[in-house]
């Protein structure tokens, strides 16, 4: 029970990493971790672990603000380069 409380306390980085990966997947169509449902030993390794860690820590530092996170991603150079005019 103590571990469950720690995971959901807002201080554990795993929850932020999972959320950030899912948000990234929503914006880019592909997550930083290819297996969004499995961050354990059976799951895939992150393609860019430093980016995932930075985004997760920034998300936590931003008081878990989804608006702030989405704005940061959508104003990034990576997002602008990923857009295609059809």
PDB file of N, CA and C in Angstrom:
ATOM      1  N   UNK A   1       0.825  -1.185   0.000  1.00  0.00           N
ATOM      2  CA  UNK A   1       0.000   0.000   0.000  1.00  0.00           C
ATOM      3  C   UNK A   1       0.874   1.256   0.000  1.00  0.00           C
ATOM      4  N   UNK A   2       1.980   1.194   0.723  1.00  0.00           N
ATOM      5  CA  UNK A   2       2.883   2.349   0.779  1.00  0.00           C
ATOM      6  C   UNK A   2       3.453   2.654  -0.602  1.00  0.00           C
ATOM      7  N   UNK A   3       3.764   1.616  -1.374  1.00  0.00           N
ATOM      8  CA  UNK A   3       4.302   1.827  -2.717  1.00  0.00           C
ATOM      9  C   UNK A   3       3.250   2.466  -3.626  1.00  0.00           C
ATOM     10  N   UNK A   4       2.010   2.022  -3.516  1.00  0.00           N
ATOM     11  CA  UNK A   4       0.928   2.610  -4.311  1.00  0.00           C
ATOM     12  C   UNK A   4       0.749   4.082  -3.964  1.00  0.00           C
ATOM     13  N   UNK A   5       0.836   4.411  -2.695  1.00  0.00           N
ATOM     14  CA  UNK A   5       0.722   5.818  -2.291  1.00  0.00           C
ATOM     15  C   UNK A   5       1.884   6.633  -2.843  1.00  0.00           C
ATOM     16  N   UNK A   6       3.088   6.051  -2.804  1.00  0.00           N
ATOM     17  CA  UNK A   6       4.264   6.750  -3.324  1.00  0.00           C
ATOM     18  C   UNK A   6       4.133   6.982  -4.834  1.00  0.00           C
ATOM     19  N   UNK A   7       3.641   5.965  -5.562  1.00  0.00           N
ATOM     20  CA  UNK A   7       3.474   6.108  -7.015  1.00  0.00           C
ATOM     21  C   UNK A   7       2.495   7.211  -7.370  1.00  0.00           C
ATOM     22  N   UNK A   8       1.459   7.364  -6.587  1.00  0.00           N
ATOM     23  CA  UNK A   8       0.418   8.343  -6.896  1.00  0.00           C
ATOM     24  C   UNK A   8       0.577   9.651  -6.134  1.00  0.00           C
ATOM     25  N   UNK A   9       1.688   9.828  -5.459  1.00  0.00           N
ATOM     26  CA  UNK A   9       1.905  11.035  -4.662  1.00  0.00           C
ATOM     27  C   UNK A   9       2.285  12.252  -5.503  1.00  0.00           C
ATOM     28  N   UNK A  10       2.709  12.018  -6.747  1.00  0.00           N
ATOM     29  CA  UNK A  10       3.156  13.123  -7.579  1.00  0.00           C
ATOM     30  C   UNK A  10       4.655  13.344  -7.509  1.00  0.00           C
ATOM     31  N   UNK A  11       5.344  12.515  -6.747  1.00  0.00           N
ATOM     32  CA  UNK A  11       6.796  12.648  -6.614  1.00  0.00           C
ATOM     33  C   UNK A  11       7.554  11.552  -7.346  1.00  0.00           C
ATOM     34  N   UNK A  12       6.871  10.505  -7.772  1.00  0.00           N
ATOM     35  CA  UNK A  12       7.538   9.380  -8.436  1.00  0.00           C
ATOM     36  C   UNK A  12       7.618   9.654  -9.935  1.00  0.00           C
ATOM     37  N   UNK A  13       8.803   9.587 -10.529  1.00  0.00           N
ATOM     38  CA  UNK A  13       8.957   9.944 -11.945  1.00  0.00           C
ATOM     39  C   UNK A  13       8.334   8.952 -12.930  1.00  0.00           C
ATOM     40  N   UNK A  14       8.065   7.714 -12.514  1.00  0.00           N
ATOM     41  CA  UNK A  14       7.520   6.729 -13.445  1.00  0.00           C
ATOM     42  C   UNK A  14       6.158   7.153 -13.974  1.00  0.00           C
ATOM     43  N   UNK A  15       5.313   7.668 -13.114  1.00  0.00           N
ATOM     44  CA  UNK A  15       3.987   8.103 -13.543  1.00  0.00           C
ATOM     45  C   UNK A  15       4.110   9.229 -14.571  1.00  0.00           C
ATOM     46  N   UNK A  16       4.988  10.174 -14.316  1.00  0.00           N
ATOM     47  CA  UNK A  16       5.192  11.284 -15.251  1.00  0.00           C
ATOM     48  C   UNK A  16       5.755  10.775 -16.576  1.00  0.00           C
ATOM     49  N   UNK A  17       6.662   9.815 -16.520  1.00  0.00           N
ATOM     50  CA  UNK A  17       7.237   9.260 -17.755  1.00  0.00           C
ATOM     51  C   UNK A  17       6.164   8.581 -18.610  1.00  0.00           C
ATOM     52  N   UNK A  18       5.294   7.816 -17.972  1.00  0.00           N
ATOM     53  CA  UNK A  18       4.221   7.127 -18.696  1.00  0.00           C
ATOM     54  C   UNK A  18       3.271   8.148 -19.330  1.00  0.00           C
ATOM     55  N   UNK A  19       2.875   9.152 -18.562  1.00  0.00           N
ATOM     56  CA  UNK A  19       1.963  10.173 -19.086  1.00  0.00           C
ATOM     57  C   UNK A  19       2.596  10.955 -20.237  1.00  0.00           C
ATOM     58  N   UNK A  20       3.831  11.377 -20.047  1.00  0.00           N
ATOM     59  CA  UNK A  20       4.533  12.147 -21.082  1.00  0.00           C
ATOM     60  C   UNK A  20       4.659  11.318 -22.355  1.00  0.00           C
ATOM     61  N   UNK A  21       4.950  10.046 -22.217  1.00  0.00           N
ATOM     62  CA  UNK A  21       5.065   9.184 -23.391  1.00  0.00           C
ATOM     63  C   UNK A  21       3.736   9.098 -24.134  1.00  0.00           C
ATOM     64  N   UNK A  22       2.648   8.970 -23.413  1.00  0.00           N
ATOM     65  CA  UNK A  22       1.323   8.901 -24.048  1.00  0.00           C
ATOM     66  C   UNK A  22       0.962  10.228 -24.728  1.00  0.00           C
ATOM     67  N   UNK A  23       1.288  11.345 -24.085  1.00  0.00           N
ATOM     68  CA  UNK A  23       1.015  12.649 -24.697  1.00  0.00           C
ATOM     69  C   UNK A  23       1.852  12.813 -25.965  1.00  0.00           C
ATOM     70  N   UNK A  24       3.119  12.408 -25.890  1.00  0.00           N
ATOM     71  CA  UNK A  24       4.009  12.479 -27.045  1.00  0.00           C
ATOM     72  C   UNK A  24       3.436  11.645 -28.189  1.00  0.00           C
ATOM     73  N   UNK A  25       2.953  10.455 -27.860  1.00  0.00           N
ATOM     74  CA  UNK A  25       2.366   9.564 -28.856  1.00  0.00           C
ATOM     75  C   UNK A  25       1.128  10.220 -29.482  1.00  0.00           C
ATOM     76  N   UNK A  26       0.366  10.930 -28.688  1.00  0.00           N
ATOM     77  CA  UNK A  26      -0.814  11.620 -29.205  1.00  0.00           C
ATOM     78  C   UNK A  26      -0.417  12.685 -30.239  1.00  0.00           C
ATOM     79  N   UNK A  27       0.648  13.419 -29.956  1.00  0.00           N
ATOM     80  CA  UNK A  27       1.064  14.497 -30.857  1.00  0.00           C
ATOM     81  C   UNK A  27       1.808  13.994 -32.094  1.00  0.00           C
ATOM     82  N   UNK A  28       2.655  12.988 -31.919  1.00  0.00           N
ATOM     83  CA  UNK A  28       3.532  12.566 -33.006  1.00  0.00           C
ATOM     84  C   UNK A  28       3.138  11.239 -33.650  1.00  0.00           C
ATOM     85  N   UNK A  29       2.158  10.537 -33.076  1.00  0.00           N
ATOM     86  CA  UNK A  29       1.738   9.264 -33.637  1.00  0.00           C
ATOM     87  C   UNK A  29       2.579   8.085 -33.203  1.00  0.00           C
ATOM     88  N   UNK A  30       3.658   8.348 -32.489  1.00  0.00           N
ATOM     89  CA  UNK A  30       4.575   7.300 -32.048  1.00  0.00           C
ATOM     90  C   UNK A  30       5.188   7.757 -30.735  1.00  0.00           C
ATOM     91  N   UNK A  31       5.203   6.878 -29.737  1.00  0.00           N
ATOM     92  CA  UNK A  31       5.751   7.242 -28.436  1.00  0.00           C
ATOM     93  C   UNK A  31       7.266   7.190 -28.405  1.00  0.00           C
ATOM     94  N   UNK A  32       7.839   7.812 -27.404  1.00  0.00           N
ATOM     95  CA  UNK A  32       9.283   7.718 -27.182  1.00  0.00           C
ATOM     96  C   UNK A  32       9.616   6.292 -26.763  1.00  0.00           C
ATOM     97  N   UNK A  33       8.693   5.669 -26.034  1.00  0.00           N
ATOM     98  CA  UNK A  33       8.765   4.245 -25.729  1.00  0.00           C
ATOM     99  C   UNK A  33       7.712   3.578 -26.605  1.00  0.00           C
ATOM    100  N   UNK A  34       8.137   2.616 -27.409  1.00  0.00           N
ATOM    101  CA  UNK A  34       7.239   1.995 -28.391  1.00  0.00           C
ATOM    102  C   UNK A  34       6.131   1.160 -27.753  1.00  0.00           C
ATOM    103  N   UNK A  35       6.301   0.768 -26.500  1.00  0.00           N
ATOM    104  CA  UNK A  35       5.297  -0.035 -25.807  1.00  0.00           C
ATOM    105  C   UNK A  35       4.690   0.798 -24.682  1.00  0.00           C
ATOM    106  N   UNK A  36       3.710   1.652 -24.989  1.00  0.00           N
ATOM    107  CA  UNK A  36       3.166   2.554 -23.977  1.00  0.00           C
ATOM    108  C   UNK A  36       2.463   1.842 -22.832  1.00  0.00           C
ATOM    109  N   UNK A  37       2.039   0.615 -23.051  1.00  0.00           N
ATOM    110  CA  UNK A  37       1.366  -0.131 -21.994  1.00  0.00           C
ATOM    111  C   UNK A  37       2.313  -0.940 -21.140  1.00  0.00           C
ATOM    112  N   UNK A  38       3.611  -0.922 -21.456  1.00  0.00           N
ATOM    113  CA  UNK A  38       4.572  -1.734 -20.695  1.00  0.00           C
ATOM    114  C   UNK A  38       5.894  -0.998 -20.562  1.00  0.00           C
ATOM    115  N   UNK A  39       6.099  -0.381 -19.408  1.00  0.00           N
ATOM    116  CA  UNK A  39       7.365   0.297 -19.122  1.00  0.00           C
ATOM    117  C   UNK A  39       8.300  -0.611 -18.320  1.00  0.00           C
ATOM    118  N   UNK A  40       7.916  -1.864 -18.152  1.00  0.00           N
ATOM    119  CA  UNK A  40       8.709  -2.793 -17.352  1.00  0.00           C
ATOM    120  C   UNK A  40       9.811  -3.454 -18.156  1.00  0.00           C
ATOM    121  N   UNK A  41      10.297  -4.557 -17.642  1.00  0.00           N
ATOM    122  CA  UNK A  41      11.398  -5.277 -18.278  1.00  0.00           C
ATOM    123  C   UNK A  41      11.011  -5.864 -19.636  1.00  0.00           C
ATOM    124  N   UNK A  42       9.740  -6.196 -19.828  1.00  0.00           N
ATOM    125  CA  UNK A  42       9.293  -6.771 -21.095  1.00  0.00           C
ATOM    126  C   UNK A  42       9.059  -5.709 -22.164  1.00  0.00           C
ATOM    127  N   UNK A  43       8.971  -4.459 -21.778  1.00  0.00           N
ATOM    128  CA  UNK A  43       8.696  -3.373 -22.712  1.00  0.00           C
ATOM    129  C   UNK A  43       9.932  -2.938 -23.479  1.00  0.00           C
ATOM    130  N   UNK A  44       9.699  -2.143 -24.498  1.00  0.00           N
ATOM    131  CA  UNK A  44      10.799  -1.612 -25.314  1.00  0.00           C
ATOM    132  C   UNK A  44      11.535  -0.511 -24.560  1.00  0.00           C
ATOM    133  N   UNK A  45      12.766  -0.314 -24.925  1.00  0.00           N
ATOM    134  CA  UNK A  45      13.551   0.770 -24.346  1.00  0.00           C
ATOM    135  C   UNK A  45      13.158   2.079 -25.040  1.00  0.00           C
ATOM    136  N   UNK A  46      13.288   3.212 -24.338  1.00  0.00           N
ATOM    137  CA  UNK A  46      12.982   4.501 -24.975  1.00  0.00           C
ATOM    138  C   UNK A  46      13.949   4.790 -26.117  1.00  0.00           C
ATOM    139  N   UNK A  47      13.440   5.370 -27.180  1.00  0.00           N
ATOM    140  CA  UNK A  47      14.310   5.743 -28.301  1.00  0.00           C
ATOM    141  C   UNK A  47      15.198   6.926 -27.909  1.00  0.00           C
ATOM    142  N   UNK A  48      14.693   7.792 -27.045  1.00  0.00           N
ATOM    143  CA  UNK A  48      15.434   8.962 -26.579  1.00  0.00           C
ATOM    144  C   UNK A  48      15.228   9.094 -25.062  1.00  0.00           C
ATOM    145  N   UNK A  49      15.969   8.307 -24.266  1.00  0.00           N
ATOM    146  CA  UNK A  49      15.742   8.294 -22.817  1.00  0.00           C
ATOM    147  C   UNK A  49      15.975   9.642 -22.142  1.00  0.00           C
ATOM    148  N   UNK A  50      16.945  10.398 -22.608  1.00  0.00           N
ATOM    149  CA  UNK A  50      17.210  11.703 -21.993  1.00  0.00           C
ATOM    150  C   UNK A  50      16.050  12.675 -22.232  1.00  0.00           C
ATOM    151  N   UNK A  51      15.486  12.628 -23.423  1.00  0.00           N
ATOM    152  CA  UNK A  51      14.333  13.473 -23.729  1.00  0.00           C
ATOM    153  C   UNK A  51      13.141  13.083 -22.857  1.00  0.00           C
ATOM    154  N   UNK A  52      12.898  11.795 -22.718  1.00  0.00           N
ATOM    155  CA  UNK A  52      11.793  11.315 -21.887  1.00  0.00           C
ATOM    156  C   UNK A  52      11.978  11.759 -20.444  1.00  0.00           C
ATOM    157  N   UNK A  53      13.197  11.619 -19.915  1.00  0.00           N
ATOM    158  CA  UNK A  53      13.469  12.047 -18.543  1.00  0.00           C
ATOM    159  C   UNK A  53      13.292  13.549 -18.380  1.00  0.00           C
ATOM    160  N   UNK A  54      13.778  14.319 -19.354  1.00  0.00           N
ATOM    161  CA  UNK A  54      13.662  15.773 -19.264  1.00  0.00           C
ATOM    162  C   UNK A  54      12.202  16.206 -19.323  1.00  0.00           C
ATOM    163  N   UNK A  55      11.448  15.632 -20.257  1.00  0.00           N
ATOM    164  CA  UNK A  55      10.032  15.978 -20.366  1.00  0.00           C
ATOM    165  C   UNK A  55       9.273  15.613 -19.091  1.00  0.00           C
ATOM    166  N   UNK A  56       9.572  14.447 -18.527  1.00  0.00           N
ATOM    167  CA  UNK A  56       8.893  14.015 -17.300  1.00  0.00           C
ATOM    168  C   UNK A  56       9.232  14.940 -16.137  1.00  0.00           C
ATOM    169  N   UNK A  57      10.505  15.296 -15.987  1.00  0.00           N
ATOM    170  CA  UNK A  57      10.884  16.177 -14.872  1.00  0.00           C
ATOM    171  C   UNK A  57      10.323  17.581 -15.076  1.00  0.00           C
ATOM    172  N   UNK A  58      10.279  18.050 -16.326  1.00  0.00           N
ATOM    173  CA  UNK A  58       9.693  19.354 -16.615  1.00  0.00           C
ATOM    174  C   UNK A  58       8.185  19.342 -16.357  1.00  0.00           C
ATOM    175  N   UNK A  59       7.529  18.243 -16.698  1.00  0.00           N
ATOM    176  CA  UNK A  59       6.098  18.092 -16.459  1.00  0.00           C
ATOM    177  C   UNK A  59       5.812  18.140 -14.946  1.00  0.00           C
ATOM    178  N   UNK A  60       6.639  17.456 -14.173  1.00  0.00           N
ATOM    179  CA  UNK A  60       6.464  17.465 -12.717  1.00  0.00           C
ATOM    180  C   UNK A  60       6.760  18.855 -12.147  1.00  0.00           C
ATOM    181  N   UNK A  61       7.809  19.495 -12.655  1.00  0.00           N
ATOM    182  CA  UNK A  61       8.170  20.836 -12.177  1.00  0.00           C
ATOM    183  C   UNK A  61       7.096  21.851 -12.540  1.00  0.00           C
ATOM    184  N   UNK A  62       6.378  21.601 -13.619  1.00  0.00           N
ATOM    185  CA  UNK A  62       5.296  22.481 -14.050  1.00  0.00           C
ATOM    186  C   UNK A  62       3.987  22.178 -13.343  1.00  0.00           C
ATOM    187  N   UNK A  63       4.080  21.491 -12.244  1.00  0.00           N
ATOM    188  CA  UNK A  63       2.922  21.146 -11.401  1.00  0.00           C
ATOM    189  C   UNK A  63       1.890  20.314 -12.153  1.00  0.00           C
ATOM    190  N   UNK A  64       2.397  19.414 -13.025  1.00  0.00           N
ATOM    191  CA  UNK A  64       1.578  18.459 -13.746  1.00  0.00           C
ATOM    192  C   UNK A  64       0.540  19.156 -14.645  1.00  0.00           C
ATOM    193  N   UNK A  65       0.891  20.316 -15.164  1.00  0.00           N
ATOM    194  CA  UNK A  65      -0.027  21.083 -16.009  1.00  0.00           C
ATOM    195  C   UNK A  65      -0.030  20.527 -17.438  1.00  0.00           C
ATOM    196  N   UNK A  66      -1.169  19.989 -17.851  1.00  0.00           N
ATOM    197  CA  UNK A  66      -1.291  19.475 -19.215  1.00  0.00           C
ATOM    198  C   UNK A  66      -1.211  20.597 -20.238  1.00  0.00           C
ATOM    199  N   UNK A  67      -1.824  21.716 -19.921  1.00  0.00           N
ATOM    200  CA  UNK A  67      -1.809  22.858 -20.836  1.00  0.00           C
ATOM    201  C   UNK A  67      -0.372  23.306 -21.094  1.00  0.00           C
ATOM    202  N   UNK A  68       0.412  23.420 -20.044  1.00  0.00           N
ATOM    203  CA  UNK A  68       1.811  23.832 -20.171  1.00  0.00           C
ATOM    204  C   UNK A  68       2.598  22.820 -20.996  1.00  0.00           C
ATOM    205  N   UNK A  69       2.362  21.524 -20.745  1.00  0.00           N
ATOM    206  CA  UNK A  69       3.086  20.484 -21.474  1.00  0.00           C
ATOM    207  C   UNK A  69       2.740  20.530 -22.967  1.00  0.00           C
ATOM    208  N   UNK A  70       1.445  20.574 -23.276  1.00  0.00           N
ATOM    209  CA  UNK A  70       1.040  20.599 -24.681  1.00  0.00           C
ATOM    210  C   UNK A  70       1.566  21.847 -25.391  1.00  0.00           C
ATOM    211  N   UNK A  71       1.555  22.974 -24.712  1.00  0.00           N
ATOM    212  CA  UNK A  71       2.086  24.205 -25.311  1.00  0.00           C
ATOM    213  C   UNK A  71       3.574  24.064 -25.596  1.00  0.00           C
ATOM    214  N   UNK A  72       4.309  23.478 -24.650  1.00  0.00           N
ATOM    215  CA  UNK A  72       5.750  23.285 -24.835  1.00  0.00           C
ATOM    216  C   UNK A  72       6.020  22.393 -26.046  1.00  0.00           C
ATOM    217  N   UNK A  73       5.268  21.317 -26.174  1.00  0.00           N
ATOM    218  CA  UNK A  73       5.474  20.397 -27.297  1.00  0.00           C
ATOM    219  C   UNK A  73       5.068  21.054 -28.618  1.00  0.00           C
ATOM    220  N   UNK A  74       3.913  21.698 -28.625  1.00  0.00           N
ATOM    221  CA  UNK A  74       3.399  22.250 -29.882  1.00  0.00           C
ATOM    222  C   UNK A  74       4.161  23.472 -30.374  1.00  0.00           C
ATOM    223  N   UNK A  75       4.916  24.111 -29.516  1.00  0.00           N
ATOM    224  CA  UNK A  75       5.738  25.242 -29.949  1.00  0.00           C
ATOM    225  C   UNK A  75       7.191  24.827 -30.174  1.00  0.00           C
ATOM    226  N   UNK A  76       7.465  23.525 -30.042  1.00  0.00           N
ATOM    227  CA  UNK A  76       8.833  23.038 -30.218  1.00  0.00           C
ATOM    228  C   UNK A  76       9.185  22.933 -31.701  1.00  0.00           C
ATOM    229  N   UNK A  77      10.443  22.968 -31.986  1.00  0.00           N
ATOM    230  CA  UNK A  77      10.924  22.804 -33.358  1.00  0.00           C
ATOM    231  C   UNK A  77      10.584  21.416 -33.879  1.00  0.00           C
ATOM    232  N   UNK A  78      10.696  20.411 -33.013  1.00  0.00           N
ATOM    233  CA  UNK A  78      10.391  19.036 -33.430  1.00  0.00           C
ATOM    234  C   UNK A  78       8.952  18.913 -33.914  1.00  0.00           C
ATOM    235  N   UNK A  79       8.028  19.536 -33.214  1.00  0.00           N
ATOM    236  CA  UNK A  79       6.617  19.466 -33.604  1.00  0.00           C
ATOM    237  C   UNK A  79       6.383  20.198 -34.923  1.00  0.00           C
ATOM    238  N   UNK A  80       6.980  21.352 -35.062  1.00  0.00           N
ATOM    239  CA  UNK A  80       6.805  22.116 -36.298  1.00  0.00           C
ATOM    240  C   UNK A  80       7.398  21.379 -37.490  1.00  0.00           C
ATOM    241  N   UNK A  81       8.496  20.646 -37.274  1.00  0.00           N
ATOM    242  CA  UNK A  81       9.101  19.893 -38.365  1.00  0.00           C
ATOM    243  C   UNK A  81       8.278  18.652 -38.706  1.00  0.00           C
ATOM    244  N   UNK A  82       7.540  18.138 -37.727  1.00  0.00           N
ATOM    245  CA  UNK A  82       6.754  16.928 -37.955  1.00  0.00           C
ATOM    246  C   UNK A  82       5.456  17.209 -38.697  1.00  0.00           C
ATOM    247  N   UNK A  83       5.026  18.465 -38.722  1.00  0.00           N
ATOM    248  CA  UNK A  83       3.784  18.808 -39.418  1.00  0.00           C
ATOM    249  C   UNK A  83       3.975  18.692 -40.926  1.00  0.00           C
ATOM    250  N   UNK A  84       2.953  18.145 -41.562  1.00  0.00           N
ATOM    251  CA  UNK A  84       2.998  18.028 -43.020  1.00  0.00           C
ATOM    252  C   UNK A  84       1.750  18.661 -43.597  1.00  0.00           C
ATOM    253  N   UNK A  85       1.911  19.414 -44.632  1.00  0.00           N
ATOM    254  CA  UNK A  85       0.763  20.004 -45.323  1.00  0.00           C
ATOM    255  C   UNK A  85       0.269  18.976 -46.324  1.00  0.00           C
ATOM    256  N   UNK A  86      -1.015  18.672 -46.232  1.00  0.00           N
ATOM    257  CA  UNK A  86      -1.584  17.644 -47.133  1.00  0.00           C
ATOM    258  C   UNK A  86      -2.492  18.317 -48.138  1.00  0.00           C
TER     259      UNK A  86
END
